[in-house]
Amino acid sequence: MKYLASVFALVLLAAPAMAQSVGEKTGVNSALGISPTTADFVKAAAISDMFEIQSGQIAQERGNATEKTFAATMIKDHQKTSDELKSMVSSGDLKAELPTALDSSHQSKIDKLKSLKGAEFSSRYDSDQVSGHKDAVSLFERYSKNGDNQKLREWAGRTLPVLRHHLEMAQHLSAGKTVGSH
């Protein structure tokens, strides 16, 4: 029994160190509250922006009036953060690569949205928005507290209030309430 307790203690102590090398995609960093590396943060933030823009474009075609209003805000705001992130990378302020396409998880969500209409579309889009913005808030909170690039950490901190507002809007959307812009 002492042996098992010792092994368990070692695993708990080693988990934060091991999780640093595990990408954001696994969710381990989020569960343990570990700040992502700059490369992981940039990749996750860029993919999140691409997903919000693409899903917003689909919602503008297939969504109800409230979803269309919400989607227009998402497209505008996430294009802005995407442009800011690209600018930091191209200026050399960040040593990271921007992804050029969605990862398989986000691409499958886009493919699913494209196959739905009406209430099925609304249900899926609304829930995707809540979960996506919860993930984004967690990512930005963790990086803004302990990220290893000062300029990016400050940017993440400045961006957080907008993402929190997006999450609130998405939760209202999902609950069927009227969603306003900011």
Protein backbone atom coordinates (compact mmCIF):
# COMPACT_ATOMS: atom_id res chain seq x y z
CA MET A 1 0.00 0.00 0.00
CA LYS A 2 2.87 2.38 0.82
CA TYR A 3 4.34 1.56 -2.58
CA LEU A 4 1.10 2.53 -4.35
CA ALA A 5 0.87 5.73 -2.36
CA SER A 6 4.45 6.58 -3.30
CA VAL A 7 3.83 5.88 -6.98
CA PHE A 8 0.64 7.95 -6.92
CA ALA A 9 2.48 10.84 -5.25
CA LEU A 10 5.22 10.70 -7.89
CA VAL A 11 2.66 10.70 -10.69
CA LEU A 12 0.92 13.73 -9.20
CA LEU A 13 4.21 15.57 -8.84
CA ALA A 14 5.37 14.64 -12.32
CA ALA A 15 2.07 15.41 -14.06
CA PRO A 16 2.60 19.18 -14.32
CA ALA A 17 6.09 18.72 -15.74
CA MET A 18 4.93 16.07 -18.21
CA ALA A 19 1.88 18.08 -19.18
CA GLN A 20 4.08 20.92 -20.39
CA SER A 21 5.09 18.76 -23.33
CA VAL A 22 1.54 17.60 -24.01
CA GLY A 23 -0.23 19.85 -26.50
CA GLU A 24 -3.31 21.84 -25.63
CA LYS A 25 -5.40 19.51 -27.74
CA THR A 26 -5.40 16.81 -25.05
CA GLY A 27 -6.95 19.09 -22.44
CA VAL A 28 -4.39 17.97 -19.83
CA ASN A 29 -2.91 21.46 -19.52
CA SER A 30 -6.36 22.94 -19.00
CA ALA A 31 -7.37 20.36 -16.41
CA LEU A 32 -4.18 20.96 -14.45
CA GLY A 33 -4.26 24.75 -14.93
CA ILE A 34 -0.89 24.72 -16.70
CA SER A 35 -0.01 27.59 -18.97
CA PRO A 36 0.45 26.51 -22.58
CA THR A 37 3.75 27.04 -24.35
CA THR A 38 3.84 30.00 -26.71
CA ALA A 39 3.72 27.67 -29.73
CA ASP A 40 0.72 25.76 -28.33
CA PHE A 41 -1.06 28.99 -27.42
CA VAL A 42 -0.55 30.53 -30.85
CA LYS A 43 -1.72 27.35 -32.58
CA ALA A 44 -4.80 26.96 -30.37
CA ALA A 45 -5.74 30.65 -30.59
CA ALA A 46 -5.34 30.71 -34.38
CA ILE A 47 -7.39 27.54 -34.83
CA SER A 48 -10.05 28.92 -32.52
CA ASP A 49 -10.23 32.10 -34.60
CA MET A 50 -10.44 30.13 -37.86
CA PHE A 51 -13.20 27.96 -36.42
CA GLU A 52 -15.19 30.97 -35.19
CA ILE A 53 -14.92 32.70 -38.56
CA GLN A 54 -15.85 29.60 -40.58
CA SER A 55 -18.68 28.49 -38.29
CA GLY A 56 -19.94 32.09 -38.22
CA GLN A 57 -20.06 32.15 -42.01
CA ILE A 58 -22.14 28.97 -41.99
CA ALA A 59 -24.42 30.43 -39.31
CA GLN A 60 -24.97 33.50 -41.45
CA GLU A 61 -26.43 31.18 -44.11
CA ARG A 62 -28.25 28.62 -41.93
CA GLY A 63 -28.87 30.22 -38.55
CA ASN A 64 -31.89 31.99 -37.16
CA ALA A 65 -31.92 35.79 -36.78
CA THR A 66 -30.30 35.71 -33.34
CA GLU A 67 -27.57 33.33 -34.51
CA LYS A 68 -26.90 35.51 -37.55
CA THR A 69 -26.40 38.55 -35.30
CA PHE A 70 -24.15 36.56 -32.99
CA ALA A 71 -22.21 35.12 -35.94
CA ALA A 72 -21.58 38.59 -37.40
CA THR A 73 -20.02 39.65 -34.09
CA MET A 74 -17.93 36.46 -33.94
CA ILE A 75 -16.63 36.94 -37.49
CA LYS A 76 -15.70 40.59 -36.85
CA ASP A 77 -14.08 40.03 -33.45
CA HIS A 78 -12.22 36.84 -34.35
CA GLN A 79 -10.94 38.35 -37.60
CA LYS A 80 -9.53 41.19 -35.48
CA THR A 81 -7.76 38.85 -33.04
CA SER A 82 -6.55 36.71 -35.92
CA ASP A 83 -5.06 39.77 -37.61
CA GLU A 84 -3.40 40.86 -34.36
CA LEU A 85 -1.89 37.42 -33.81
CA LYS A 86 -0.63 37.27 -37.41
CA SER A 87 0.93 40.72 -36.97
CA MET A 88 2.83 39.64 -33.83
CA VAL A 89 4.15 36.54 -35.60
CA SER A 90 5.13 38.34 -38.83
CA SER A 91 6.85 41.17 -36.91
CA GLY A 92 9.08 38.63 -35.20
CA ASP A 93 7.68 39.38 -31.74
CA LEU A 94 6.66 35.72 -31.52
CA LYS A 95 8.65 32.68 -32.48
CA ALA A 96 5.73 30.50 -33.49
CA GLU A 97 4.10 29.12 -36.60
CA LEU A 98 0.54 29.90 -37.50
CA PRO A 99 -1.51 26.95 -38.68
CA THR A 100 -2.88 27.28 -42.20
CA ALA A 101 -5.88 25.00 -41.67
CA LEU A 102 -8.13 23.71 -38.94
CA ASP A 103 -7.09 20.64 -36.99
CA SER A 104 -9.14 17.48 -37.56
CA SER A 105 -11.33 18.05 -34.49
CA HIS A 106 -12.43 21.53 -35.57
CA GLN A 107 -12.73 20.50 -39.23
CA SER A 108 -15.12 17.70 -38.28
CA LYS A 109 -17.24 20.24 -36.36
CA ILE A 110 -17.37 22.46 -39.47
CA ASP A 111 -18.26 19.48 -41.66
CA LYS A 112 -21.05 18.55 -39.24
CA LEU A 113 -22.43 22.11 -39.20
CA LYS A 114 -22.47 22.14 -43.01
CA SER A 115 -24.67 19.03 -42.99
CA LEU A 116 -27.32 20.44 -40.64
CA LYS A 117 -30.26 22.79 -41.06
CA GLY A 118 -32.98 24.30 -38.91
CA ALA A 119 -33.25 23.26 -35.28
CA GLU A 120 -30.51 20.64 -35.65
CA PHE A 121 -28.12 23.30 -36.93
CA SER A 122 -29.09 25.71 -34.14
CA SER A 123 -28.62 23.12 -31.43
CA ARG A 124 -25.17 22.11 -32.69
CA TYR A 125 -23.96 25.64 -33.47
CA ASP A 126 -25.12 27.00 -30.13
CA SER A 127 -23.46 24.20 -28.13
CA ASP A 128 -20.25 24.47 -30.21
CA GLN A 129 -20.12 28.18 -29.37
CA VAL A 130 -20.46 27.61 -25.63
CA SER A 131 -17.84 24.85 -25.49
CA GLY A 132 -15.46 26.67 -27.84
CA HIS A 133 -15.60 29.88 -25.84
CA LYS A 134 -15.15 28.03 -22.54
CA ASP A 135 -11.99 26.49 -24.01
CA ALA A 136 -10.80 29.86 -25.32
CA VAL A 137 -11.36 31.62 -21.99
CA SER A 138 -9.40 28.88 -20.21
CA LEU A 139 -6.57 29.07 -22.75
CA PHE A 140 -6.29 32.86 -22.57
CA GLU A 141 -6.60 32.96 -18.77
CA ARG A 142 -3.79 30.45 -18.34
CA TYR A 143 -1.49 32.13 -20.86
CA SER A 144 -2.16 35.66 -19.56
CA LYS A 145 -1.13 34.54 -16.06
CA ASN A 146 2.00 32.53 -16.82
CA GLY A 147 2.80 32.61 -20.53
CA ASP A 148 6.46 32.80 -21.46
CA ASN A 149 6.22 35.70 -23.95
CA GLN A 150 5.53 39.06 -22.28
CA LYS A 151 3.93 40.76 -25.29
CA LEU A 152 1.69 37.78 -26.02
CA ARG A 153 0.78 37.45 -22.35
CA GLU A 154 -0.33 41.09 -22.27
CA TRP A 155 -2.32 40.63 -25.49
CA ALA A 156 -4.01 37.54 -24.07
CA GLY A 157 -4.96 39.55 -20.97
CA ARG A 158 -6.40 42.38 -23.08
CA THR A 159 -8.35 39.90 -25.21
CA LEU A 160 -9.85 37.99 -22.28
CA PRO A 161 -12.75 40.40 -21.53
CA VAL A 162 -13.97 40.09 -25.12
CA LEU A 163 -13.81 36.28 -24.95
CA ARG A 164 -15.66 36.27 -21.63
CA HIS A 165 -18.34 38.42 -23.22
CA HIS A 166 -18.51 36.03 -26.18
CA LEU A 167 -19.00 33.14 -23.75
CA GLU A 168 -21.81 35.00 -22.01
CA MET A 169 -23.41 35.75 -25.38
CA ALA A 170 -23.05 32.09 -26.43
CA GLN A 171 -24.65 30.92 -23.20
CA HIS A 172 -27.60 33.24 -23.82
CA LEU A 173 -27.78 32.01 -27.41
CA SER A 174 -27.85 28.43 -26.21
CA ALA A 175 -30.55 29.27 -23.65
CA GLY A 176 -32.68 30.90 -26.38
CA LYS A 177 -32.26 34.45 -25.10
CA THR A 178 -31.72 37.47 -27.32
CA VAL A 179 -28.03 38.11 -27.94
CA GLY A 180 -26.68 41.61 -28.33
CA SER A 181 -23.28 42.73 -29.54
CA HIS A 182 -20.84 44.62 -27.37
